[in-house]
Every structure is written in structure tokens, then in C-alpha cells.
Amino acid sequence: MKKFLLLLFFLLSISSHSLGFIRDSEIENIIKEIVGPIADAAGQKKENLEIFIIDDDQLNAFVTPGQKIFIFSGLITNSKNANSLEGVIAHELGHITGRHHVKIYKQLEKSRAITLAGLILGGAVSAITGDPDAAAAIAGGALTTSSRSLLSFTRAQEGAADQAGYTFLKNSGKSLCGIISFLELLENMQVSYQENAYTQSHPLTRERIRDAKNAAKDENCKSNNKTKKHGEIKNAELSIDEKYKFIQAKLIGFTDPENTLSSIKNNSKFNDDQKNYALAIANYKSFNLQKGNELINKLIKKYPYNPYFYELKAQMLRENGFLKESLNSYLIVNKLLPNDPLVQIELAHTLINLDSKKNLDKAIQTLLAAKKKEPENNKLWYLLSVAHGKNSEMGKSRYASAYSSYLNGDDAMAISFIERAKKITKKDSPIWNKLIDLENKINLKKNKRR
């Protein structure tokens, strides 16, 4: 029941846009670097943190038990600086340490049955019609019968999470100015409608700003918020805020290449290097590889030890058919950023495309290394199925296809691959045992649904 309620809570927290996840080593690694000290201050093991970037333009983030941090891409692209994200994450960690999720489960369990029925129906309508707005309307209507008691309960949680977040920021040596600027941004976005203390799902923004300013009374936020002049920055001297600006530019280039090409030059938030990063991406996404390659080469020359610029170059080259050149860049990335599973997966992808016995063996070896950190990565399992298939290892290929289908939620297809694999696999061999384990896992899931 709790997992089901968590799913409902998650669905309510996202917008009515289609949900997708962004996987990117640079973004995930830099956010972990940002979040790490705050997690330490909150008593959370930073090495266990899992970062999920939701491809959605909302200014939102949440943390679930198990140290999973969900951050909406809109929060990254629209926040003023890294300190704003630090403030939001500190607040969300306050929910974890306050065990607010457990309290929400109990509160949701008390809600009227029609609420849950409406939410389920909303999801079904979205799946059948492909119209997420219809789902949002049904789910919103269902909430009206029980939202007052639920939302009044969460207002107290929000205030407690704020106070805990301020403590975490101070104890980790972080400024509180970022959360103030973020709350002021939210307030500016809300001026188009009346605030109502009874139906707000969190304290009124003006109240939260007042409390945050009181907590930051020993800081000079006006001085901290002054825009620094963009000078020459050496690679080794990149501050966390400069790194954050690069991932902001990266997201903007990937998610809105057309607008990036026309307007990024006028964006005063970024320096010339960050603008060129966004433009390199936007040009390559707009089928201008020559210009994109020219811009990324310029950045590589200036920052020869930044793995992420080589990674972008490798991706651009592979997607445009320059496989050997792409491999050379991925090998550089792998040296600069060893044992990064997402990089290893992309390196393996390129090796598979080169299509030789030596490269296939190396690709499989690389994917198996990545699997130690990314055991549920669907692209990894798909690539394993391709590599084993090309390597004439059909039992292993079909097992990987089965696992990929399982991760996709297609249990029927997974069972089909398992049955086909069992016909050509020796009983009691390692692959046979893996096939049986996966089959049992799927059947157990089916029995739980009954």
C-alpha cells in the first residue's frame, strides 16, 4: 500500500507534461558534488545518493526514502545559481529527516476512497487517450473532496522542513541566500492568482521568505547576489557555481536548441564559454555538425582536462557516423573520468557500432563493468543483447533482451525471451540459473497482483 501511495504522491507532484528522465554524467556528478555536504549535515550517506533528473520545466524537486533525489530540469535551468538548488535540496532533506513521507502515507490512507479512485482513473485516461491534461483534470477533481485536511497537514511539514533545511545549510557552510532568491522567484511567479492560506500546499511564499530572511540575518544577501564579472577561468579553478552554469547551459541547449541559437548570446547569466557550450549543443541538434564541432573544439582547447567536453564531441561524432573519431574521444573521456557507468555505456555503444570481434568483446566487458553501478539501466541491457547477439552468444543475448523487456514493464515479452533462451541454454549453467531467477521474479510479481 505504501509503495502505491508513494506512486500517487509522485504523480501529483509532476506537471501535466509527459514524464521523462534525463541521464547525463556531468549533470548528475555536479549535482552530487553540490548536494554532498548538505547530505552529510543531514546525516545522510552521500555515497548512497541517487540523482534523477525529470525532463519537465517545473521549478520543483523532491526526495524519497532511500536517498533518491528527483530534480525537475526546470529547477536547474531557472534557478539563479547553485546555492538556490542547495536551498531547495536542504528543504527536501528536511522532509526525509522529519519522516514526513510516513505521515503522508497515513494521511492518504485516511482520504476518501473517491480520491484514490479519481487518481487511478486519471492515470488510466492518460494511458488510453495519450492526453495528460485529461488525467490532470480528473485527478484534480478527485482531490477536492479530501484535500483540505491533507494540505493543512502538509503546511506544518513544509515549515518544519524549512527550519531543518536552514540548519543543514548552516552546518555545511552554505549560504541561505540561495533559498531566499528561489522563494522570491516563486512569489513573482504567483502574482497572477490570489494566495489562499487554506488551500496552499506549503506556507505562503511571503511567510517563507520572511522566515528565511530571519534565518539568514547574519548574511549580506544583497552583496552575495551581485553578479560577478566573467573573467578568464582556468580549468582547475572552476567554482561549483561555474560548473553549475555549464550544466544549465547544457540543458538549455539540449531542450530548446532553436531558441538557444537565437537568444543565448543575450543571456547575461552565462559567460562566453557557457554560451558556446549551449551553442555547440544547439548547432549539433540542429544538424549543423561543423559549427557544433568547431565550438566544442574551442572549449576543449581551453579546458583540456574537462571530460564532459570530450563526451559531447564523442556523442556528436557518433550520431553523425564518425565512429572511429567518436571512439577516440570516448577513450579520452574514460581516462579522465574512469569507472563512470554512463560514460562506459556510451563507450560500449560506440564499440558495438564498429562491429569487430575485438570491439564486441571490449564492449561486453565495458558493459559488465558499468552494470556494477547501473544494474537496472535499460540501455545497458539492450546493448548487451545486441553485443552478445553479434558475438553469436544467443543464450546470453536473449537473457539480456528478457531483462530489458522486464525493465520496460513488458513481462509477456520478457517471458517469451526467457522461453526462447531456455531452448538453447544448458541446464544449470550460469545463464540458465539467471533465466530461472528472472522468470521467478516475474511470476512472483504476477502473484502479488492477484
Protein backbone atom coordinates (compact mmCIF):
# COMPACT_ATOMS: atom_id res chain seq x y z
CA MET A 1 0.00 0.00 0.00
CA LYS A 2 2.80 2.41 0.88
CA LYS A 3 4.50 1.92 -2.50
CA PHE A 4 1.16 2.56 -4.19
CA LEU A 5 0.63 5.75 -2.20
CA LEU A 6 4.15 6.92 -2.94
CA LEU A 7 3.40 6.48 -6.64
CA LEU A 8 0.24 8.58 -6.28
CA PHE A 9 2.12 11.26 -4.37
CA PHE A 10 4.79 11.26 -7.09
CA LEU A 11 2.21 11.59 -9.86
CA LEU A 12 0.64 14.56 -8.12
CA SER A 13 4.00 16.29 -7.80
CA ILE A 14 4.68 16.35 -11.54
CA SER A 15 3.11 18.61 -14.11
CA SER A 16 0.69 17.55 -16.80
CA HIS A 17 3.51 17.14 -19.29
CA SER A 18 4.80 13.74 -20.33
CA LEU A 19 7.26 12.37 -17.83
CA GLY A 20 10.78 11.53 -18.93
CA PHE A 21 14.16 11.23 -17.28
CA ILE A 22 17.45 12.78 -18.34
CA ARG A 23 20.59 10.69 -17.76
CA ASP A 24 23.80 12.67 -18.01
CA SER A 25 27.10 12.11 -16.19
CA GLU A 26 28.03 15.78 -15.99
CA ILE A 27 24.70 16.88 -14.56
CA GLU A 28 24.44 14.01 -12.09
CA ASN A 29 28.05 14.28 -10.90
CA ILE A 30 27.94 18.03 -10.37
CA ILE A 31 24.63 17.85 -8.53
CA LYS A 32 26.09 15.14 -6.28
CA GLU A 33 29.02 17.48 -5.63
CA ILE A 34 26.57 20.24 -4.73
CA VAL A 35 24.36 18.06 -2.56
CA GLY A 36 27.07 16.03 -0.80
CA PRO A 37 27.98 18.42 2.05
CA ILE A 38 24.29 19.12 2.79
CA ALA A 39 23.54 15.40 2.89
CA ASP A 40 26.39 14.97 5.38
CA ALA A 41 24.93 17.73 7.55
CA ALA A 42 21.53 15.99 7.39
CA GLY A 43 23.04 12.67 8.48
CA GLN A 44 22.51 11.07 5.07
CA LYS A 45 25.22 8.98 3.39
CA LYS A 46 26.17 10.94 0.29
CA GLU A 47 27.69 7.89 -1.41
CA ASN A 48 24.22 6.35 -1.44
CA LEU A 49 22.57 9.34 -3.09
CA GLU A 50 20.78 8.66 -6.37
CA ILE A 51 20.05 11.65 -8.60
CA PHE A 52 17.12 11.58 -11.05
CA ILE A 53 16.58 14.48 -13.45
CA ILE A 54 12.96 14.77 -14.59
CA ASP A 55 12.57 16.35 -18.02
CA ASP A 56 9.95 18.91 -17.03
CA ASP A 57 10.04 22.70 -16.88
CA GLN A 58 8.57 22.94 -13.37
CA LEU A 59 10.60 24.56 -10.61
CA ASN A 60 10.39 21.55 -8.34
CA ALA A 61 12.31 18.80 -6.57
CA PHE A 62 11.60 16.11 -4.02
CA VAL A 63 13.43 13.41 -2.11
CA THR A 64 12.11 9.94 -1.32
CA PRO A 65 13.23 7.47 1.34
CA GLY A 66 16.22 5.53 0.12
CA GLN A 67 18.08 8.78 -0.68
CA LYS A 68 16.61 9.19 -4.14
CA ILE A 69 16.62 12.84 -5.20
CA PHE A 70 14.27 13.87 -8.03
CA ILE A 71 15.06 17.24 -9.57
CA PHE A 72 12.99 18.83 -12.34
CA SER A 73 15.07 20.23 -15.21
CA GLY A 74 13.15 23.50 -14.90
CA LEU A 75 14.56 23.98 -11.41
CA ILE A 76 18.10 23.68 -12.74
CA THR A 77 17.66 25.96 -15.76
CA ASN A 78 15.68 28.65 -13.93
CA SER A 79 17.45 28.81 -10.57
CA LYS A 80 19.78 31.75 -10.12
CA ASN A 81 22.82 29.76 -9.05
CA ALA A 82 23.96 26.54 -7.38
CA ASN A 83 23.14 27.95 -3.96
CA SER A 84 19.45 28.15 -4.92
CA LEU A 85 19.47 24.42 -5.66
CA GLU A 86 21.30 23.81 -2.37
CA GLY A 87 18.49 25.56 -0.54
CA VAL A 88 15.77 23.52 -2.25
CA ILE A 89 17.57 20.21 -1.63
CA ALA A 90 18.22 21.11 2.03
CA HIS A 91 14.48 21.67 2.40
CA GLU A 92 13.66 18.32 0.80
CA LEU A 93 16.16 16.53 3.03
CA GLY A 94 14.28 18.13 5.92
CA HIS A 95 11.25 16.10 4.84
CA ILE A 96 13.30 12.90 4.97
CA THR A 97 14.77 13.54 8.40
CA GLY A 98 11.32 14.58 9.66
CA ARG A 99 9.83 11.33 8.31
CA HIS A 100 7.12 13.37 6.62
CA HIS A 101 6.63 10.73 3.93
CA VAL A 102 5.46 8.24 6.56
CA LYS A 103 2.98 10.81 7.88
CA ILE A 104 1.71 11.48 4.35
CA TYR A 105 1.12 7.75 3.83
CA LYS A 106 -1.03 7.66 6.96
CA GLN A 107 -2.91 10.81 5.94
CA LEU A 108 -3.55 9.50 2.43
CA GLU A 109 -4.83 6.23 3.84
CA LYS A 110 -7.50 8.24 5.67
CA SER A 111 -8.58 10.02 2.50
CA ARG A 112 -11.92 9.16 0.95
CA ALA A 113 -11.89 6.24 -1.49
CA ILE A 114 -13.16 8.50 -4.26
CA THR A 115 -9.90 10.42 -4.14
CA LEU A 116 -7.79 7.36 -4.92
CA ALA A 117 -10.31 6.16 -7.47
CA GLY A 118 -10.13 9.51 -9.22
CA LEU A 119 -6.35 9.45 -9.28
CA ILE A 120 -6.29 5.93 -10.72
CA LEU A 121 -8.90 6.86 -13.31
CA GLY A 122 -6.89 9.94 -14.25
CA GLY A 123 -3.82 7.79 -14.92
CA ALA A 124 -5.87 5.32 -16.95
CA VAL A 125 -7.30 8.10 -19.11
CA SER A 126 -3.80 9.40 -19.78
CA ALA A 127 -2.56 5.94 -20.81
CA ILE A 128 -5.53 5.24 -23.08
CA THR A 129 -6.00 8.63 -24.73
CA GLY A 130 -2.47 9.98 -24.60
CA ASP A 131 -3.96 13.18 -23.19
CA PRO A 132 -2.21 14.05 -19.91
CA ASP A 133 -4.43 17.13 -19.47
CA ALA A 134 -7.45 14.85 -19.14
CA ALA A 135 -5.68 12.87 -16.43
CA ALA A 136 -4.74 16.04 -14.60
CA ALA A 137 -8.32 17.30 -14.67
CA ILE A 138 -9.74 14.04 -13.29
CA ALA A 139 -7.06 13.75 -10.61
CA GLY A 140 -7.56 17.40 -9.64
CA GLY A 141 -11.30 16.93 -9.32
CA ALA A 142 -10.83 13.88 -7.13
CA LEU A 143 -8.62 15.79 -4.76
CA THR A 144 -11.23 18.39 -3.92
CA THR A 145 -13.12 16.03 -1.59
CA SER A 146 -10.25 15.46 0.81
CA SER A 147 -7.50 17.98 0.04
CA ARG A 148 -8.30 20.38 2.88
CA SER A 149 -7.26 18.07 5.68
CA LEU A 150 -4.32 16.70 3.70
CA LEU A 151 -2.95 20.08 2.65
CA SER A 152 -3.38 21.69 6.06
CA PHE A 153 -1.35 18.80 7.42
CA THR A 154 1.47 19.36 4.90
CA ARG A 155 1.71 23.09 5.68
CA ALA A 156 3.15 22.17 9.07
CA GLN A 157 5.53 19.74 7.38
CA GLU A 158 6.75 22.42 4.99
CA GLY A 159 7.54 24.79 7.84
CA ALA A 160 9.43 22.08 9.71
CA ALA A 161 11.35 21.12 6.56
CA ASP A 162 12.30 24.77 6.02
CA GLN A 163 13.73 25.07 9.52
CA ALA A 164 15.63 21.78 9.18
CA GLY A 165 16.95 22.92 5.80
CA TYR A 166 18.30 26.16 7.26
CA THR A 167 20.16 24.13 9.87
CA PHE A 168 21.62 21.79 7.25
CA LEU A 169 22.79 24.73 5.14
CA LYS A 170 24.46 26.46 8.07
CA ASN A 171 26.11 23.27 9.32
CA SER A 172 27.51 22.54 5.85
CA GLY A 173 28.88 26.07 5.47
CA LYS A 174 26.36 27.03 2.78
CA SER A 175 24.62 30.35 2.36
CA LEU A 176 20.89 30.79 2.95
CA CYS A 177 20.72 33.50 0.30
CA GLY A 178 20.01 30.98 -2.46
CA ILE A 179 16.78 29.72 -0.91
CA ILE A 180 15.66 33.33 -0.40
CA SER A 181 16.20 34.15 -4.09
CA PHE A 182 14.37 30.93 -5.05
CA LEU A 183 11.37 31.75 -2.85
CA GLU A 184 11.28 35.28 -4.24
CA LEU A 185 11.23 33.80 -7.74
CA LEU A 186 8.26 31.63 -6.76
CA GLU A 187 6.48 34.64 -5.29
CA ASN A 188 6.95 36.59 -8.54
CA MET A 189 5.51 33.65 -10.47
CA GLN A 190 2.43 33.52 -8.23
CA VAL A 191 1.31 37.14 -8.60
CA SER A 192 -1.20 36.16 -11.27
CA TYR A 193 -3.55 34.50 -8.78
CA GLN A 194 -4.77 35.01 -5.22
CA GLU A 195 -2.98 33.16 -2.47
CA ASN A 196 -5.26 31.29 -0.08
CA ALA A 197 -3.83 30.19 3.24
CA TYR A 198 -6.39 27.39 3.47
CA THR A 199 -5.56 25.60 0.23
CA GLN A 200 -1.82 26.25 -0.13
CA SER A 201 0.19 23.05 -0.02
CA HIS A 202 3.03 24.90 1.70
CA PRO A 203 3.33 28.06 3.79
CA LEU A 204 2.57 31.24 1.88
CA THR A 205 5.64 32.30 -0.04
CA ARG A 206 5.82 35.66 1.69
CA GLU A 207 5.85 33.90 5.05
CA ARG A 208 8.59 31.55 3.94
CA ILE A 209 10.67 34.46 2.63
CA ARG A 210 10.25 36.24 5.97
CA ASP A 211 11.36 33.14 7.87
CA ALA A 212 14.30 32.54 5.51
CA LYS A 213 15.49 36.15 5.81
CA ASN A 214 15.27 35.89 9.57
CA ALA A 215 17.38 32.71 9.48
CA ALA A 216 19.90 34.49 7.20
CA LYS A 217 20.03 37.70 9.25
CA ASP A 218 23.80 37.38 9.69
CA GLU A 219 24.39 37.21 5.91
CA ASN A 220 24.57 40.05 3.41
CA CYS A 221 22.49 38.54 0.63
CA LYS A 222 22.42 41.72 -1.42
CA SER A 223 26.19 41.60 -1.66
CA ASN A 224 26.16 37.85 -2.38
CA ASN A 225 23.63 38.28 -5.18
CA LYS A 226 25.68 40.80 -7.11
CA THR A 227 26.64 39.41 -10.47
CA LYS A 228 30.34 38.65 -10.69
CA LYS A 229 32.22 39.78 -13.74
CA HIS A 230 33.04 36.94 -16.08
CA GLY A 231 36.80 36.78 -16.40
CA GLU A 232 39.21 34.19 -17.69
CA ILE A 233 38.77 30.98 -15.72
CA LYS A 234 41.33 28.20 -15.71
CA ASN A 235 40.02 24.65 -15.80
CA ALA A 236 41.38 23.76 -12.35
CA GLU A 237 39.80 26.83 -10.82
CA LEU A 238 36.18 26.26 -11.82
CA SER A 239 33.96 27.02 -8.84
CA ILE A 240 30.90 24.94 -8.11
CA ASP A 241 28.76 27.82 -9.37
CA GLU A 242 30.69 27.96 -12.65
CA LYS A 243 30.21 24.21 -13.08
CA TYR A 244 26.51 24.70 -12.36
CA LYS A 245 26.26 27.37 -15.06
CA PHE A 246 27.75 24.91 -17.56
CA ILE A 247 25.07 22.30 -16.80
CA GLN A 248 22.40 24.99 -17.01
CA ALA A 249 23.69 25.95 -20.45
CA LYS A 250 23.86 22.28 -21.43
CA LEU A 251 20.22 21.64 -20.51
CA ILE A 252 19.07 24.75 -22.34
CA GLY A 253 20.98 23.73 -25.48
CA PHE A 254 19.52 20.21 -25.49
CA THR A 255 15.93 21.05 -24.52
CA ASP A 256 15.44 24.18 -26.65
CA PRO A 257 18.05 24.33 -29.44
CA GLU A 258 16.08 26.67 -31.68
CA ASN A 259 15.66 29.32 -29.00
CA THR A 260 19.25 28.82 -27.87
CA LEU A 261 20.57 29.68 -31.33
CA SER A 262 18.58 32.89 -31.45
CA SER A 263 18.86 34.21 -27.88
CA ILE A 264 21.66 32.67 -25.80
CA LYS A 265 24.12 35.39 -26.81
CA ASN A 266 21.94 37.92 -24.99
CA ASN A 267 21.70 35.88 -21.78
CA SER A 268 23.73 37.78 -19.17
CA LYS A 269 23.65 34.82 -16.76
CA PHE A 270 26.31 32.98 -18.78
CA ASN A 271 29.88 33.80 -19.74
CA ASP A 272 31.18 33.26 -23.28
CA ASP A 273 32.35 29.70 -22.59
CA GLN A 274 28.99 28.65 -21.20
CA LYS A 275 27.21 30.28 -24.13
CA ASN A 276 29.47 28.42 -26.56
CA TYR A 277 28.69 25.16 -24.77
CA ALA A 278 24.97 25.74 -25.27
CA LEU A 279 25.56 26.81 -28.88
CA ALA A 280 27.69 23.75 -29.66
CA ILE A 281 24.82 21.55 -28.50
CA ALA A 282 22.14 23.59 -30.24
CA ASN A 283 24.03 23.56 -33.55
CA TYR A 284 24.60 19.82 -33.46
CA LYS A 285 20.94 19.23 -32.53
CA SER A 286 20.01 21.46 -35.48
CA PHE A 287 22.10 19.33 -37.89
CA ASN A 288 25.00 21.77 -38.10
CA LEU A 289 27.78 19.42 -37.03
CA GLN A 290 30.52 21.58 -38.48
CA LYS A 291 29.64 24.58 -36.30
CA GLY A 292 28.94 22.43 -33.25
CA ASN A 293 32.29 20.68 -33.63
CA GLU A 294 34.08 23.98 -34.10
CA LEU A 295 32.63 25.36 -30.86
CA ILE A 296 33.30 22.27 -28.75
CA ASN A 297 36.88 22.09 -30.07
CA LYS A 298 37.34 25.67 -28.91
CA LEU A 299 36.24 24.67 -25.40
CA ILE A 300 38.45 21.55 -25.41
CA LYS A 301 41.46 23.69 -26.31
CA LYS A 302 40.76 25.97 -23.34
CA TYR A 303 39.77 23.19 -20.91
CA PRO A 304 41.85 20.17 -21.99
CA TYR A 305 41.08 18.20 -18.82
CA ASN A 306 37.31 18.63 -18.80
CA PRO A 307 35.88 15.19 -19.67
CA TYR A 308 32.42 16.45 -20.46
CA PHE A 309 33.51 18.49 -23.47
CA TYR A 310 35.16 15.39 -24.98
CA GLU A 311 31.98 13.46 -24.15
CA LEU A 312 29.82 15.90 -26.10
CA LYS A 313 32.24 15.77 -29.04
CA ALA A 314 32.14 11.95 -28.98
CA GLN A 315 28.33 11.94 -28.94
CA MET A 316 28.10 14.39 -31.83
CA LEU A 317 30.55 12.40 -33.93
CA ARG A 318 28.94 9.00 -33.25
CA GLU A 319 25.45 10.22 -34.06
CA ASN A 320 26.76 11.59 -37.35
CA GLY A 321 28.54 8.37 -38.35
CA PHE A 322 32.16 9.26 -37.48
CA LEU A 323 32.65 6.17 -35.36
CA LYS A 324 36.45 5.94 -35.14
CA GLU A 325 36.76 9.62 -34.28
CA SER A 326 33.98 9.22 -31.72
CA LEU A 327 35.77 6.25 -30.14
CA ASN A 328 38.97 8.28 -29.76
CA SER A 329 37.06 10.95 -27.83
CA TYR A 330 35.24 8.41 -25.66
CA LEU A 331 38.57 6.79 -24.76
CA ILE A 332 39.82 10.19 -23.57
CA VAL A 333 36.65 10.65 -21.51
CA ASN A 334 37.12 7.21 -19.99
CA LYS A 335 40.66 8.12 -18.90
CA LEU A 336 39.62 11.50 -17.46
CA LEU A 337 36.51 10.06 -15.80
CA PRO A 338 37.34 6.39 -15.05
CA ASN A 339 34.66 3.97 -13.91
CA ASP A 340 31.78 6.32 -14.70
CA PRO A 341 28.97 3.90 -15.69
CA LEU A 342 27.13 6.25 -18.05
CA VAL A 343 30.34 7.01 -19.91
CA GLN A 344 31.11 3.28 -20.06
CA ILE A 345 27.69 2.59 -21.58
CA GLU A 346 28.22 5.20 -24.30
CA LEU A 347 31.74 3.91 -24.97
CA ALA A 348 30.34 0.40 -25.37
CA HIS A 349 27.65 1.72 -27.72
CA THR A 350 30.36 3.09 -30.00
CA LEU A 351 32.43 -0.10 -29.81
CA ILE A 352 29.40 -2.18 -30.84
CA ASN A 353 28.80 0.05 -33.86
CA LEU A 354 32.39 -0.54 -35.01
CA ASP A 355 31.40 -4.20 -35.37
CA SER A 356 34.53 -6.30 -34.95
CA LYS A 357 35.15 -9.31 -32.70
CA LYS A 358 37.73 -7.38 -30.67
CA ASN A 359 35.42 -4.38 -30.25
CA LEU A 360 32.43 -6.57 -29.36
CA ASP A 361 34.42 -8.34 -26.64
CA LYS A 362 35.60 -4.99 -25.30
CA ALA A 363 32.03 -3.61 -25.40
CA ILE A 364 30.69 -6.56 -23.40
CA GLN A 365 33.49 -6.21 -20.86
CA THR A 366 32.77 -2.48 -20.53
CA LEU A 367 29.02 -3.02 -20.12
CA LEU A 368 29.55 -5.64 -17.43
CA ALA A 369 31.77 -3.17 -15.55
CA ALA A 370 29.07 -0.49 -15.84
CA LYS A 371 26.44 -2.96 -14.62
CA LYS A 372 28.05 -2.99 -11.16
CA LYS A 373 26.80 0.58 -10.65
CA GLU A 374 23.87 0.62 -13.10
CA PRO A 375 22.23 -2.82 -12.73
CA GLU A 376 18.80 -1.54 -13.78
CA ASN A 377 19.88 0.60 -16.73
CA ASN A 378 17.68 -0.38 -19.66
CA LYS A 379 20.05 0.91 -22.35
CA LEU A 380 22.83 -1.19 -20.83
CA TRP A 381 20.75 -4.38 -21.08
CA TYR A 382 19.65 -3.55 -24.62
CA LEU A 383 23.27 -3.03 -25.69
CA LEU A 384 24.27 -6.30 -24.00
CA SER A 385 21.62 -8.11 -26.02
CA VAL A 386 22.96 -6.57 -29.24
CA ALA A 387 26.62 -7.23 -28.42
CA HIS A 388 26.04 -10.85 -27.40
CA GLY A 389 23.88 -11.39 -30.49
CA LYS A 390 26.55 -10.05 -32.82
CA ASN A 391 29.05 -12.20 -30.95
CA SER A 392 26.94 -15.33 -31.65
CA GLU A 393 26.14 -15.81 -27.94
CA MET A 394 22.40 -16.19 -28.43
CA GLY A 395 21.52 -17.53 -24.98
CA LYS A 396 23.13 -14.53 -23.33
CA SER A 397 21.59 -12.22 -25.92
CA ARG A 398 18.07 -13.49 -25.24
CA TYR A 399 18.59 -13.26 -21.49
CA ALA A 400 19.65 -9.62 -21.86
CA SER A 401 16.62 -8.98 -24.10
CA ALA A 402 14.40 -10.58 -21.46
CA TYR A 403 15.83 -8.37 -18.75
CA SER A 404 15.48 -5.28 -20.91
CA SER A 405 11.81 -6.16 -21.54
CA TYR A 406 11.33 -6.73 -17.80
CA LEU A 407 12.73 -3.27 -17.03
CA ASN A 408 10.35 -1.84 -19.64
CA GLY A 409 7.43 -3.42 -17.80
CA ASP A 410 6.70 -5.83 -20.66
CA ASP A 411 6.58 -9.09 -18.68
CA ALA A 412 4.97 -11.04 -21.53
CA MET A 413 7.84 -10.20 -23.88
CA ALA A 414 10.35 -10.97 -21.12
CA ILE A 415 8.82 -14.43 -20.62
CA SER A 416 8.91 -15.00 -24.38
CA PHE A 417 12.65 -14.25 -24.49
CA ILE A 418 13.21 -16.48 -21.44
CA GLU A 419 11.44 -19.44 -23.11
CA ARG A 420 13.42 -18.95 -26.31
CA ALA A 421 16.69 -18.68 -24.37
CA LYS A 422 15.99 -21.83 -22.34
CA LYS A 423 15.73 -23.86 -25.57
CA ILE A 424 19.36 -23.13 -26.44
CA THR A 425 20.89 -22.89 -22.95
CA LYS A 426 22.44 -25.73 -20.99
CA LYS A 427 20.56 -26.56 -17.78
CA ASP A 428 22.19 -25.48 -14.54
CA SER A 429 24.66 -23.24 -16.38
CA PRO A 430 25.13 -19.67 -15.05
CA ILE A 431 22.86 -18.22 -17.76
CA TRP A 432 20.24 -20.92 -17.16
CA ASN A 433 20.14 -20.00 -13.47
CA LYS A 434 19.79 -16.31 -14.32
CA LEU A 435 16.89 -17.12 -16.65
CA ILE A 436 15.14 -19.09 -13.89
CA ASP A 437 15.73 -16.30 -11.35
CA LEU A 438 14.21 -13.70 -13.70
CA GLU A 439 11.28 -15.98 -14.52
CA ASN A 440 10.61 -16.49 -10.79
CA LYS A 441 10.80 -12.75 -10.19
CA ILE A 442 8.21 -12.08 -12.89
CA ASN A 443 5.89 -14.84 -11.66
CA LEU A 444 6.17 -13.57 -8.08
CA LYS A 445 5.15 -10.12 -9.27
CA LYS A 446 2.13 -11.60 -11.06
CA ASN A 447 1.05 -13.50 -7.93
CA LYS A 448 1.23 -10.34 -5.83
CA ARG A 449 -1.15 -8.59 -8.22
CA ARG A 450 -3.86 -11.24 -7.74
